[in-house]
Amino acid sequence: MAVDVGIQGAMQDPAAVSGWLDHPPRMGFFTDTSVCIGCKACEVACKEWNQVPEDGLNLTGMSFDNTSGLGADTWRHVAFIERPEAGSDHGFRWLMSSDVCKHCTEAACLDVCPTGAIFRTEFGTVVVQEDVCNGCGYCVPACPYGVLDKREDDGRIFKCTLCYDRLGAGQEPACAKACPTDSIQFGPLDELRDRAQGKLDQLVEAGVTGARLYGQDPSDGVGGAGAFFLLLDEPEVYGLPPDPVVTTRHLGEMWRAVAVAAVGLAMAVGGAFIGGQR
């Protein structure tokens, strides 16, 4: 039986809202881009552990980033972003960030899935069950981050599971374990938020004016993310939406309006039929 904990409770405890009465703390990722070195060890570890197919290399000559982005066959992606160096006419700097599914508190993909293939785990994460997915693709446009993707060879949807199988065995996700700089940190979400705020304060005190947290706020448009980031520039620079909003926010109101309209139509048809019998 699901627990009605209200909006604020849902923000903090989505597992309970989904019916997990006795569950561990909500787990998640904190990705500190200020210490990412672009080694892509997380990408490799993710593919190896989850048996994600090789999707080729993007050798366009336009970037040192040899993979194109998140997709059904890339669940972790390290972006290489070239930016002008502040105060310099010729210099530049690299911004590197390992992107991943955000495991939203208010998950639109879960709301629109008609088969129950997408579910909320006891850890508060969002997982696609590949043996239940029918490939309808409703979840793809529903994601405000453009994370979910269809694998063309079999038509089903795939994305990061936050290594659900490893969590159940008391292990950390493969990407976090492989990260040599602790850019990807895994743990209870509340602890990660405190740690991230401490790191942000240090950077601001050191004069890094562009530093900011992204996705950690439970009052944002998706109720806070289960995978959030410390960025060194605007979210758009990293290809992230500045103000993401769950696309199914008004879904309940829409269904109620449809129900009212259906009842009204049925009454009108019934009245017309009865009137015609007289």
Foldseek 3Di string as FASTA:
>chain_A
DADPPDLVCLLQAVLSRQPPPDFDFAKFKEFEQVQDPPPCLLQVQQCVVVVQDDPFFCPPVPDPQGDDDAEQRTQKGKDWFWAADPPDPPHIDTGITIDHDQQFSQQLLCVPQPQNQWGQDSNSGIAGNQVRFPLPCPSQVQDLQNRWYADVVVNGIHHDPQPVVQVVVVHGRRSCVRRPRNSMDMDRLVVSLVVVVVVQVVCVVVPLVAWDKAQQDCPAQRSGTRHIYTGSHQVVSVVGDNGGHRNCPCVVVVVVVVVVVVVVVVVVVVVVVVVVVD
